[in-house]
Amino acid sequence: MWPFRRKQEGGKIKKSMERLVVGLIIGGAIGSIVGKKLVELHEEKHRKEKRKEGEDEAK
């Protein structure tokens, strides 16, 4: 074992950059899931409205 420790280069900056990248990746994944659900709900609501309009016109 060497008695002197090696000084880490950019320790704090490197950790903060890693956290930023990981946060962006996780945030993007969550955003895509939430966005997909919102689009599906909007499409479902739109389909229901079309069905109601079709039923009203048929009467």
N, C-alpha and C. Protein backbone atom coordinates (compact mmCIF):
# COMPACT_ATOMS: atom_id res chain seq x y z
N MET A 1 0.84 -1.19 0.00
CA MET A 1 0.00 0.00 0.00
C MET A 1 0.87 1.24 0.00
N TRP A 2 0.44 2.20 -0.76
CA TRP A 2 1.14 3.47 -0.85
C TRP A 2 0.67 4.36 0.29
N PRO A 3 1.57 5.04 0.99
CA PRO A 3 1.16 5.85 2.15
C PRO A 3 0.44 7.15 1.79
N PHE A 4 0.52 7.56 0.52
CA PHE A 4 -0.13 8.81 0.13
C PHE A 4 -1.31 8.50 -0.78
N ARG A 5 -2.40 9.16 -0.51
CA ARG A 5 -3.58 8.96 -1.35
C ARG A 5 -3.51 9.84 -2.59
N ARG A 6 -4.08 9.32 -3.65
CA ARG A 6 -4.15 10.07 -4.88
C ARG A 6 -5.28 11.08 -4.79
N LYS A 7 -5.02 12.28 -5.26
CA LYS A 7 -6.06 13.30 -5.25
C LYS A 7 -7.02 13.06 -6.41
N GLN A 8 -8.33 13.03 -6.11
CA GLN A 8 -9.31 12.80 -7.16
C GLN A 8 -9.47 14.07 -7.98
N GLU A 9 -9.52 13.89 -9.26
CA GLU A 9 -9.68 15.03 -10.15
C GLU A 9 -11.16 15.32 -10.36
N GLY A 10 -11.59 16.54 -10.03
CA GLY A 10 -12.97 16.94 -10.27
C GLY A 10 -13.98 16.14 -9.50
N GLY A 11 -13.75 15.88 -8.26
CA GLY A 11 -14.64 15.03 -7.47
C GLY A 11 -16.05 15.59 -7.36
N LYS A 12 -16.18 16.83 -6.90
CA LYS A 12 -17.51 17.40 -6.70
C LYS A 12 -18.20 17.69 -8.03
N ILE A 13 -17.45 18.19 -8.97
CA ILE A 13 -18.04 18.52 -10.27
C ILE A 13 -18.49 17.26 -10.98
N LYS A 14 -17.68 16.22 -10.92
CA LYS A 14 -18.03 14.97 -11.58
C LYS A 14 -19.30 14.36 -10.98
N LYS A 15 -19.39 14.37 -9.65
CA LYS A 15 -20.58 13.81 -8.99
C LYS A 15 -21.83 14.61 -9.34
N SER A 16 -21.70 15.93 -9.36
CA SER A 16 -22.88 16.74 -9.66
C SER A 16 -23.31 16.55 -11.12
N MET A 17 -22.35 16.39 -12.02
CA MET A 17 -22.70 16.15 -13.42
C MET A 17 -23.37 14.78 -13.58
N GLU A 18 -22.87 13.78 -12.87
CA GLU A 18 -23.49 12.45 -12.93
C GLU A 18 -24.91 12.51 -12.40
N ARG A 19 -25.12 13.23 -11.31
CA ARG A 19 -26.48 13.36 -10.76
C ARG A 19 -27.40 14.08 -11.73
N LEU A 20 -26.87 15.10 -12.40
CA LEU A 20 -27.67 15.85 -13.37
C LEU A 20 -28.09 14.95 -14.52
N VAL A 21 -27.16 14.18 -15.05
CA VAL A 21 -27.47 13.30 -16.18
C VAL A 21 -28.48 12.23 -15.76
N VAL A 22 -28.27 11.64 -14.60
CA VAL A 22 -29.19 10.62 -14.12
C VAL A 22 -30.58 11.23 -13.89
N GLY A 23 -30.62 12.42 -13.34
CA GLY A 23 -31.90 13.10 -13.11
C GLY A 23 -32.63 13.38 -14.41
N LEU A 24 -31.88 13.80 -15.43
CA LEU A 24 -32.51 14.06 -16.73
C LEU A 24 -33.05 12.79 -17.35
N ILE A 25 -32.31 11.70 -17.22
CA ILE A 25 -32.77 10.43 -17.79
C ILE A 25 -34.03 9.95 -17.07
N ILE A 26 -34.00 9.98 -15.74
CA ILE A 26 -35.17 9.53 -14.98
C ILE A 26 -36.36 10.46 -15.21
N GLY A 27 -36.10 11.76 -15.24
CA GLY A 27 -37.17 12.72 -15.49
C GLY A 27 -37.79 12.54 -16.86
N GLY A 28 -36.96 12.26 -17.85
CA GLY A 28 -37.48 12.02 -19.19
C GLY A 28 -38.34 10.78 -19.25
N ALA A 29 -37.92 9.74 -18.55
CA ALA A 29 -38.70 8.50 -18.53
C ALA A 29 -40.05 8.72 -17.86
N ILE A 30 -40.05 9.41 -16.74
CA ILE A 30 -41.31 9.70 -16.04
C ILE A 30 -42.20 10.58 -16.91
N GLY A 31 -41.60 11.59 -17.54
CA GLY A 31 -42.36 12.48 -18.40
C GLY A 31 -43.00 11.76 -19.58
N SER A 32 -42.28 10.82 -20.15
CA SER A 32 -42.84 10.09 -21.28
C SER A 32 -44.00 9.20 -20.85
N ILE A 33 -43.90 8.60 -19.68
CA ILE A 33 -44.98 7.75 -19.18
C ILE A 33 -46.22 8.60 -18.88
N VAL A 34 -46.02 9.72 -18.21
CA VAL A 34 -47.15 10.59 -17.87
C VAL A 34 -47.77 11.16 -19.15
N GLY A 35 -46.94 11.58 -20.08
CA GLY A 35 -47.45 12.12 -21.34
C GLY A 35 -48.26 11.09 -22.11
N LYS A 36 -47.78 9.87 -22.14
CA LYS A 36 -48.50 8.80 -22.84
C LYS A 36 -49.87 8.58 -22.21
N LYS A 37 -49.93 8.56 -20.88
CA LYS A 37 -51.21 8.38 -20.19
C LYS A 37 -52.16 9.53 -20.50
N LEU A 38 -51.64 10.76 -20.51
CA LEU A 38 -52.50 11.91 -20.80
C LEU A 38 -53.06 11.84 -22.22
N VAL A 39 -52.23 11.45 -23.16
CA VAL A 39 -52.70 11.32 -24.55
C VAL A 39 -53.75 10.23 -24.65
N GLU A 40 -53.53 9.11 -23.98
CA GLU A 40 -54.52 8.03 -24.02
C GLU A 40 -55.85 8.48 -23.42
N LEU A 41 -55.81 9.20 -22.30
CA LEU A 41 -57.05 9.68 -21.68
C LEU A 41 -57.76 10.67 -22.60
N HIS A 42 -56.99 11.53 -23.24
CA HIS A 42 -57.60 12.51 -24.15
C HIS A 42 -58.26 11.82 -25.33
N GLU A 43 -57.58 10.82 -25.90
CA GLU A 43 -58.15 10.08 -27.02
C GLU A 43 -59.41 9.33 -26.61
N GLU A 44 -59.40 8.75 -25.42
CA GLU A 44 -60.57 8.03 -24.94
C GLU A 44 -61.75 8.97 -24.76
N LYS A 45 -61.50 10.14 -24.22
CA LYS A 45 -62.55 11.13 -24.02
C LYS A 45 -63.10 11.58 -25.38
N HIS A 46 -62.22 11.76 -26.33
CA HIS A 46 -62.62 12.19 -27.67
C HIS A 46 -63.48 11.12 -28.34
N ARG A 47 -63.12 9.85 -28.16
CA ARG A 47 -63.91 8.75 -28.74
C ARG A 47 -65.31 8.71 -28.13
N LYS A 48 -65.40 8.90 -26.81
CA LYS A 48 -66.71 8.89 -26.15
C LYS A 48 -67.59 10.02 -26.68
N GLU A 49 -67.00 11.20 -26.88
CA GLU A 49 -67.78 12.32 -27.40
C GLU A 49 -68.27 12.03 -28.81
N LYS A 50 -67.43 11.41 -29.63
CA LYS A 50 -67.84 11.07 -31.00
C LYS A 50 -69.00 10.07 -30.98
N ARG A 51 -68.92 9.09 -30.07
CA ARG A 51 -70.01 8.10 -29.97
C ARG A 51 -71.32 8.77 -29.59
N LYS A 52 -71.25 9.69 -28.60
CA LYS A 52 -72.46 10.40 -28.17
C LYS A 52 -73.04 11.22 -29.32
N GLU A 53 -72.18 11.91 -30.06
CA GLU A 53 -72.67 12.70 -31.20
C GLU A 53 -73.31 11.80 -32.24
N GLY A 54 -72.71 10.66 -32.47
CA GLY A 54 -73.27 9.71 -33.45
C GLY A 54 -74.62 9.17 -33.01
N GLU A 55 -74.78 8.88 -31.73
CA GLU A 55 -76.03 8.38 -31.20
C GLU A 55 -77.11 9.46 -31.26
N ASP A 56 -76.73 10.70 -30.95
CA ASP A 56 -77.68 11.80 -30.97
C ASP A 56 -78.17 12.07 -32.40
N GLU A 57 -77.28 11.98 -33.37
CA GLU A 57 -77.66 12.23 -34.75
C GLU A 57 -78.55 11.10 -35.29
N ALA A 58 -78.33 9.89 -34.81
CA ALA A 58 -79.11 8.74 -35.28
C ALA A 58 -80.55 8.81 -34.78
N LYS A 59 -80.78 9.45 -33.69
CA LYS A 59 -82.13 9.53 -33.12
C LYS A 59 -83.00 10.50 -33.82
